[in-house]
Amino acid sequence: MSDRAPDDEIARLLAAFRDESGRGASSRAEFERLKGRWLGRDKGLVPELFGKLKSLPPGERAGFGVRANAAKTEVEEGIVRLGRALEASEAASRDRAAAVDVTLPGRGVRTGGLHPITIVRRRIEDIFLRMGYSIADGPEVENDFHNFEALNFPPDHPARDSQDTLLVDREAASPLLLRTHTSPVQIREMRKHGAPLRLIVPGRVYRKDEVDATHSPVFHQVEGLVVDQGISMADLKGTVAAFLEELFGKGTRTRFIPTFFPFVEPGVDVSMSCIFCGGSGCGKCKGSGWIEIMGAGMVHPRVLQGVAIDPEEYTGFAFGLGLDRVALLKYGFPDLRLLFEGDVRFLGQFAGVA
């Protein structure tokens, strides 16, 4: 363009813009390049046109300015039209991409399934509901009183140590912790309802354990409690035997071995005949023919006294077992970690299992 920027140069500029804009912009990047080429503040062709004003004689500047402004307006309006056309094209592309081809065959919907822990929990709940038990629930963040003191744990018991228990607030009047068993719910229910009482308590519990094939800091339990007049060890043995036979199949035998738990007296470890070898001895039961499955016992009189139930009038039994271990035994998988890793390849095997 000459220093004087004659009218034919403005005409050629507009002709070039009309030709270039007439081809349109096929992409957002191409549109931005075109817009910058014509209207860019530093090197745009239209701003350069106005830069010629100072080199023109004073008498020509006014007329040139009018024609240059008209050219600028035409270019700006053309750029706006290009932008709108590109937006419309992009919207149409999105609509086409989102459109459903009704002639295509339908896509199959993958059916989800219950988690193995949920399957086992519901199965156990169903057994005890048919026995006349109710289901109770309680907080997972507990205080020391409900988790330990009311259950006859002495102050120096190892379970109270921070090595084994996940403490939430050690400085509280009754230190807060993540419950180490579901037994605190039994205390709450006895304090609330008194006796007679017959319930189970399924739920998550927490211990400071290292994660490996058989341990986890978060796991699941179900505990049972019966308090009534005349309850004896025979009631406990009959209930546990009937429950395990219903859960693991006819012919499942039980064995009770004396042990100690602070909240029961006497306490027992309950074993069942090995479900893998029928009691003849195998690698799963270490050749003994028995698998330890739960702890149980008669409710300690001090526990009853602590919840204002007269141990001279009422007796009771309690038991507890791990849902994770039951799932491991029933479905025969080798590693407890499989339950918590969310691997669909593993969990998908349980779809449809009831």
Protein backbone atom coordinates (compact mmCIF):
# COMPACT_ATOMS: atom_id res chain seq x y z
CA MET A 1 0.00 0.00 0.00
CA SER A 2 1.40 3.43 -0.95
CA ASP A 3 2.03 6.16 1.59
CA ARG A 4 -1.02 8.06 0.42
CA ALA A 5 -3.35 5.00 0.64
CA PRO A 6 -5.55 5.90 -2.35
CA ASP A 7 -9.15 4.81 -2.65
CA ASP A 8 -8.30 1.84 -4.84
CA GLU A 9 -6.16 0.39 -2.05
CA ILE A 10 -9.15 0.51 0.36
CA ALA A 11 -11.22 -1.13 -2.36
CA ARG A 12 -8.61 -3.89 -2.84
CA LEU A 13 -8.52 -4.41 0.95
CA LEU A 14 -12.30 -4.86 1.09
CA ALA A 15 -12.26 -7.13 -1.96
CA ALA A 16 -9.65 -9.36 -0.32
CA PHE A 17 -11.68 -9.51 2.91
CA ARG A 18 -14.89 -10.38 1.06
CA ASP A 19 -13.12 -13.17 -0.79
CA GLU A 20 -11.45 -14.59 2.35
CA SER A 21 -14.51 -14.30 4.58
CA GLY A 22 -16.70 -15.77 1.88
CA ARG A 23 -14.82 -19.08 2.21
CA GLY A 24 -15.84 -19.20 5.89
CA ALA A 25 -13.94 -20.64 8.86
CA SER A 26 -13.92 -24.41 9.29
CA SER A 27 -12.65 -24.35 12.88
CA ARG A 28 -12.41 -22.13 15.92
CA ALA A 29 -8.64 -21.83 15.43
CA GLU A 30 -9.06 -20.74 11.80
CA PHE A 31 -11.66 -18.15 12.83
CA GLU A 32 -9.34 -16.68 15.46
CA ARG A 33 -6.48 -16.45 12.93
CA LEU A 34 -8.71 -14.66 10.42
CA LYS A 35 -10.02 -12.27 13.06
CA GLY A 36 -6.48 -11.45 14.21
CA ARG A 37 -5.26 -10.96 10.64
CA TRP A 38 -7.90 -8.32 9.93
CA LEU A 39 -8.66 -6.69 13.29
CA GLY A 40 -5.59 -7.53 15.45
CA ARG A 41 -4.49 -4.45 17.41
CA ASP A 42 -0.80 -4.63 16.48
CA LYS A 43 -0.61 -6.08 12.96
CA GLY A 44 -4.19 -6.26 11.77
CA LEU A 45 -4.78 -5.00 8.22
CA VAL A 46 -7.58 -2.61 9.29
CA PRO A 47 -5.56 -0.94 12.11
CA GLU A 48 -2.65 -0.58 9.65
CA LEU A 49 -5.01 1.26 7.34
CA PHE A 50 -5.65 3.91 9.98
CA GLY A 51 -1.90 4.15 10.53
CA LYS A 52 -1.67 5.76 7.10
CA LEU A 53 -3.61 8.82 8.24
CA LYS A 54 -0.60 10.65 9.64
CA SER A 55 1.27 10.35 6.33
CA LEU A 56 -1.54 11.97 4.32
CA PRO A 57 -1.84 15.70 3.57
CA PRO A 58 -4.22 17.41 6.03
CA GLY A 59 -6.78 18.05 3.33
CA GLU A 60 -7.13 14.35 2.46
CA ARG A 61 -7.31 12.98 5.98
CA ALA A 62 -11.01 13.64 6.61
CA GLY A 63 -12.22 11.88 3.45
CA PHE A 64 -9.81 9.00 3.95
CA GLY A 65 -10.94 8.60 7.54
CA VAL A 66 -14.60 8.33 6.50
CA ARG A 67 -13.82 5.62 3.91
CA ALA A 68 -11.52 3.77 6.32
CA ASN A 69 -14.22 3.76 9.04
CA ALA A 70 -16.73 2.39 6.54
CA ALA A 71 -14.26 -0.36 5.62
CA LYS A 72 -13.65 -1.13 9.32
CA THR A 73 -17.39 -1.41 9.96
CA GLU A 74 -17.80 -3.80 7.04
CA VAL A 75 -14.92 -5.98 8.23
CA GLU A 76 -16.21 -6.05 11.85
CA GLU A 77 -19.72 -6.99 10.75
CA GLY A 78 -18.29 -9.66 8.48
CA ILE A 79 -16.26 -11.11 11.36
CA VAL A 80 -19.39 -11.18 13.57
CA ARG A 81 -21.30 -13.06 10.85
CA LEU A 82 -18.46 -15.53 10.52
CA GLY A 83 -18.47 -16.12 14.30
CA ARG A 84 -22.20 -16.75 14.35
CA ALA A 85 -21.97 -19.12 11.43
CA LEU A 86 -19.18 -21.05 13.16
CA GLU A 87 -21.20 -21.25 16.39
CA ALA A 88 -24.17 -22.61 14.47
CA SER A 89 -21.94 -25.17 12.75
CA GLU A 90 -20.44 -26.26 16.06
CA ALA A 91 -23.90 -26.60 17.64
CA ALA A 92 -25.07 -28.72 14.71
CA SER A 93 -21.99 -30.94 15.09
CA ARG A 94 -22.75 -31.42 18.78
CA ASP A 95 -26.36 -32.28 18.00
CA ARG A 96 -25.27 -34.84 15.42
CA ALA A 97 -22.82 -36.39 17.87
CA ALA A 98 -25.50 -36.60 20.57
CA ALA A 99 -28.18 -37.92 18.27
CA VAL A 100 -29.46 -41.45 18.83
CA ASP A 101 -29.63 -43.73 15.83
CA VAL A 102 -32.90 -45.55 16.48
CA THR A 103 -32.00 -48.17 13.86
CA LEU A 104 -29.08 -49.46 15.94
CA PRO A 105 -29.62 -52.48 18.21
CA GLY A 106 -30.03 -51.64 21.90
CA ARG A 107 -27.12 -51.80 24.29
CA GLY A 108 -27.32 -54.39 27.02
CA VAL A 109 -27.49 -53.05 30.58
CA ARG A 110 -25.02 -54.69 32.93
CA THR A 111 -26.79 -55.95 36.01
CA GLY A 112 -25.24 -54.98 39.30
CA GLY A 113 -25.09 -57.24 42.32
CA LEU A 114 -24.88 -57.10 46.07
CA HIS A 115 -21.50 -57.02 47.79
CA PRO A 116 -20.55 -60.36 49.43
CA ILE A 117 -20.66 -58.74 52.87
CA THR A 118 -24.18 -57.48 52.20
CA ILE A 119 -25.25 -60.93 51.00
CA VAL A 120 -23.91 -62.59 54.14
CA ARG A 121 -25.34 -59.92 56.45
CA ARG A 122 -28.82 -60.20 54.93
CA ARG A 123 -28.68 -63.98 55.14
CA ILE A 124 -27.78 -63.84 58.85
CA GLU A 125 -30.41 -61.19 59.53
CA ASP A 126 -33.05 -63.36 57.85
CA ILE A 127 -32.12 -66.37 60.00
CA PHE A 128 -32.40 -64.43 63.25
CA LEU A 129 -35.53 -62.54 62.22
CA ARG A 130 -37.19 -65.93 61.75
CA MET A 131 -35.98 -66.84 65.25
CA GLY A 132 -37.80 -63.80 66.65
CA TYR A 133 -34.82 -61.46 67.05
CA SER A 134 -34.84 -57.74 66.25
CA ILE A 135 -32.02 -55.82 64.52
CA ALA A 136 -30.34 -52.91 66.30
CA ASP A 137 -27.87 -50.26 65.15
CA GLY A 138 -25.74 -47.62 66.86
CA PRO A 139 -22.98 -45.03 66.38
CA GLU A 140 -19.59 -46.03 64.99
CA VAL A 141 -17.86 -43.23 66.94
CA GLU A 142 -18.28 -44.38 70.53
CA ASN A 143 -17.21 -43.26 73.99
CA ASP A 144 -15.06 -45.26 76.37
CA PHE A 145 -17.99 -45.98 78.68
CA HIS A 146 -20.11 -47.85 76.13
CA ASN A 147 -17.18 -49.48 74.33
CA PHE A 148 -15.20 -50.64 77.39
CA GLU A 149 -16.32 -49.62 80.86
CA ALA A 150 -19.92 -50.86 80.66
CA LEU A 151 -18.65 -54.14 79.19
CA ASN A 152 -16.49 -54.89 82.26
CA PHE A 153 -13.14 -54.08 80.66
CA PRO A 154 -10.71 -53.17 83.47
CA PRO A 155 -8.79 -49.86 83.12
CA ASP A 156 -5.54 -51.65 82.30
CA HIS A 157 -7.03 -54.00 79.67
CA PRO A 158 -4.85 -54.15 76.50
CA ALA A 159 -7.85 -53.35 74.28
CA ARG A 160 -7.96 -49.83 75.75
CA ASP A 161 -4.41 -49.16 74.59
CA SER A 162 -3.89 -46.87 71.59
CA GLN A 163 -1.82 -49.69 70.05
CA ASP A 164 -5.08 -51.57 69.40
CA THR A 165 -7.78 -48.85 69.38
CA LEU A 166 -8.30 -45.96 66.96
CA LEU A 167 -8.86 -43.00 69.30
CA VAL A 168 -10.76 -39.94 68.08
CA ASP A 169 -10.55 -37.68 71.16
CA ARG A 170 -8.40 -38.84 74.04
CA GLU A 171 -9.05 -35.65 76.08
CA ALA A 172 -12.85 -35.95 76.31
CA ALA A 173 -14.43 -36.81 79.68
CA SER A 174 -15.17 -40.24 78.24
CA PRO A 175 -12.57 -40.60 75.44
CA LEU A 176 -14.04 -40.97 71.95
CA LEU A 177 -12.93 -43.78 69.68
CA LEU A 178 -13.98 -45.80 66.65
CA ARG A 179 -15.88 -48.73 68.13
CA THR A 180 -13.84 -51.91 68.36
CA HIS A 181 -16.92 -54.17 68.36
CA THR A 182 -20.69 -53.79 68.06
CA SER A 183 -21.21 -54.67 71.74
CA PRO A 184 -21.71 -50.97 72.71
CA VAL A 185 -25.04 -51.15 70.88
CA GLN A 186 -26.07 -53.98 73.22
CA ILE A 187 -25.34 -51.72 76.21
CA ARG A 188 -27.38 -48.89 74.68
CA GLU A 189 -30.30 -51.22 73.94
CA MET A 190 -30.31 -52.71 77.45
CA ARG A 191 -30.19 -49.25 79.03
CA LYS A 192 -33.01 -48.10 76.77
CA HIS A 193 -35.34 -51.11 76.82
CA GLY A 194 -34.30 -53.20 79.81
CA ALA A 195 -35.24 -56.90 79.84
CA PRO A 196 -36.43 -59.16 78.28
CA LEU A 197 -34.44 -58.53 75.11
CA ARG A 198 -33.50 -60.50 72.01
CA LEU A 199 -31.50 -58.77 69.25
CA ILE A 200 -28.60 -58.89 66.81
CA VAL A 201 -26.28 -56.01 65.93
CA PRO A 202 -24.54 -56.07 62.51
CA GLY A 203 -22.12 -53.30 61.58
CA ARG A 204 -18.65 -51.94 60.85
CA VAL A 205 -15.97 -52.02 63.53
CA TYR A 206 -12.40 -50.75 63.70
CA ARG A 207 -9.09 -52.04 65.06
CA LYS A 208 -5.53 -50.81 64.57
CA ASP A 209 -4.50 -53.80 62.44
CA GLU A 210 -2.06 -54.08 59.55
CA VAL A 211 -3.69 -54.92 56.22
CA ASP A 212 -2.97 -58.45 55.03
CA ALA A 213 -4.82 -61.49 53.70
CA THR A 214 -6.68 -62.08 56.97
CA HIS A 215 -6.67 -58.67 58.74
CA SER A 216 -8.04 -55.21 58.06
CA PRO A 217 -8.42 -52.05 60.20
CA VAL A 218 -12.06 -51.90 59.07
CA PHE A 219 -14.18 -55.03 59.15
CA HIS A 220 -17.72 -56.21 59.91
CA GLN A 221 -19.29 -58.06 62.80
CA VAL A 222 -22.67 -59.31 63.88
CA GLU A 223 -23.31 -59.81 67.58
CA GLY A 224 -26.32 -61.31 69.30
CA LEU A 225 -27.81 -60.77 72.74
CA VAL A 226 -30.60 -62.51 74.64
CA VAL A 227 -31.63 -61.44 78.16
CA ASP A 228 -34.61 -63.05 79.88
CA GLN A 229 -35.59 -65.07 82.90
CA GLY A 230 -34.15 -68.57 83.02
CA ILE A 231 -31.68 -68.22 80.13
CA SER A 232 -28.92 -70.84 80.42
CA MET A 233 -25.85 -72.12 78.62
CA ALA A 234 -28.08 -74.71 76.98
CA ASP A 235 -30.04 -71.92 75.27
CA LEU A 236 -26.79 -70.46 73.94
CA LYS A 237 -25.60 -73.83 72.60
CA GLY A 238 -28.93 -74.61 70.98
CA THR A 239 -29.20 -71.19 69.35
CA VAL A 240 -25.65 -71.19 68.01
CA ALA A 241 -25.93 -74.78 66.72
CA ALA A 242 -29.20 -74.03 64.92
CA PHE A 243 -27.83 -70.79 63.45
CA LEU A 244 -24.60 -72.32 62.10
CA GLU A 245 -26.44 -75.28 60.61
CA GLU A 246 -28.86 -72.91 58.88
CA LEU A 247 -26.00 -70.72 57.62
CA PHE A 248 -23.52 -73.39 56.51
CA GLY A 249 -25.76 -76.37 55.85
CA LYS A 250 -27.23 -79.45 57.44
CA GLY A 251 -24.81 -81.58 59.38
CA THR A 252 -22.67 -78.67 60.58
CA ARG A 253 -21.52 -79.58 64.09
CA THR A 254 -20.42 -77.23 66.85
CA ARG A 255 -17.84 -77.42 69.61
CA PHE A 256 -17.52 -75.11 72.66
CA ILE A 257 -14.14 -74.52 74.31
CA PRO A 258 -13.89 -72.49 77.55
CA THR A 259 -12.12 -69.12 77.21
CA PHE A 260 -12.16 -65.64 78.73
CA PHE A 261 -13.94 -62.47 77.63
CA PRO A 262 -14.44 -59.59 80.10
CA PHE A 263 -18.16 -59.22 79.37
CA VAL A 264 -19.25 -62.86 79.69
CA GLU A 265 -18.87 -65.53 82.36
CA PRO A 266 -18.36 -68.27 81.44
CA GLY A 267 -16.95 -67.51 77.98
CA VAL A 268 -16.45 -69.94 75.11
CA ASP A 269 -14.79 -70.12 71.73
CA VAL A 270 -17.18 -71.74 69.25
CA SER A 271 -15.83 -73.94 66.48
CA MET A 272 -17.78 -75.67 63.72
CA SER A 273 -16.99 -78.77 61.74
CA CYS A 274 -14.89 -77.89 58.70
CA ILE A 275 -17.16 -77.11 55.76
CA PHE A 276 -14.41 -78.08 53.30
CA CYS A 277 -13.64 -81.61 54.52
CA GLY A 278 -16.69 -82.37 56.67
CA GLY A 279 -14.50 -82.74 59.75
CA SER A 280 -12.05 -85.34 58.43
CA GLY A 281 -9.12 -82.91 58.40
CA CYS A 282 -7.67 -80.82 55.56
CA GLY A 283 -5.39 -77.88 54.87
CA LYS A 284 -8.16 -75.35 55.48
CA CYS A 285 -8.72 -76.57 59.06
CA LYS A 286 -5.03 -77.44 59.59
CA GLY A 287 -5.93 -81.10 59.89
CA SER A 288 -8.11 -80.61 62.99
CA GLY A 289 -11.51 -80.98 61.34
CA TRP A 290 -12.71 -77.81 63.12
CA ILE A 291 -12.83 -74.09 62.21
CA GLU A 292 -13.12 -71.42 64.90
CA ILE A 293 -16.06 -69.21 63.99
CA MET A 294 -17.20 -67.07 66.95
CA GLY A 295 -16.88 -66.08 70.59
CA ALA A 296 -19.78 -66.39 73.02
CA GLY A 297 -20.79 -66.78 76.65
CA MET A 298 -23.25 -65.92 79.39
CA VAL A 299 -23.61 -62.19 80.01
CA HIS A 300 -21.49 -61.18 83.01
CA PRO A 301 -23.60 -60.17 86.05
CA ARG A 302 -21.64 -56.92 86.34
CA VAL A 303 -22.71 -55.98 82.81
CA LEU A 304 -26.36 -56.54 83.73
CA GLN A 305 -25.99 -54.56 86.96
CA GLY A 306 -24.41 -51.69 85.03
CA VAL A 307 -27.53 -51.32 82.86
CA ALA A 308 -29.96 -51.63 85.79
CA ILE A 309 -31.01 -55.23 85.07
CA ASP A 310 -31.15 -57.45 88.14
CA PRO A 311 -28.81 -60.45 87.55
CA GLU A 312 -30.68 -62.39 90.26
CA GLU A 313 -33.84 -62.23 88.14
CA TYR A 314 -32.45 -62.18 84.61
CA THR A 315 -29.65 -63.99 82.81
CA GLY A 316 -28.54 -63.80 79.21
CA PHE A 317 -26.11 -64.93 76.56
CA ALA A 318 -24.16 -63.07 73.89
CA PHE A 319 -22.18 -64.12 70.83
CA GLY A 320 -20.27 -62.44 68.01
CA LEU A 321 -18.71 -63.40 64.69
CA GLY A 322 -17.01 -61.65 61.76
CA LEU A 323 -19.05 -61.19 58.59
CA ASP A 324 -15.89 -60.92 56.49
CA ARG A 325 -14.70 -64.30 57.74
CA VAL A 326 -18.10 -65.86 57.07
CA ALA A 327 -17.98 -64.54 53.48
CA LEU A 328 -14.45 -65.91 53.06
CA LEU A 329 -15.55 -69.35 54.28
CA LYS A 330 -18.83 -69.49 52.34
CA TYR A 331 -17.41 -68.37 49.00
CA GLY A 332 -13.91 -69.81 49.27
CA PHE A 333 -11.79 -66.82 48.19
CA PRO A 334 -8.27 -66.66 49.65
CA ASP A 335 -7.69 -63.02 50.59
CA LEU A 336 -9.79 -60.67 52.74
CA ARG A 337 -8.48 -57.66 50.81
CA LEU A 338 -10.56 -58.69 47.79
CA LEU A 339 -13.65 -57.53 49.69
CA PHE A 340 -12.44 -53.93 49.95
CA GLU A 341 -10.52 -53.24 46.72
CA GLY A 342 -13.60 -52.65 44.51
CA ASP A 343 -12.37 -54.95 41.73
CA VAL A 344 -15.41 -55.52 39.51
CA ARG A 345 -13.87 -58.71 38.13
CA PHE A 346 -14.09 -60.20 41.62
CA LEU A 347 -17.32 -58.59 42.81
CA GLY A 348 -19.12 -59.34 39.54
CA GLN A 349 -19.02 -63.04 40.39
CA PHE A 350 -21.61 -62.42 43.10
CA ALA A 351 -24.23 -60.82 40.83
CA GLY A 352 -27.41 -62.80 41.30
CA VAL A 353 -26.18 -64.58 44.45
CA ALA A 354 -28.79 -64.49 47.18
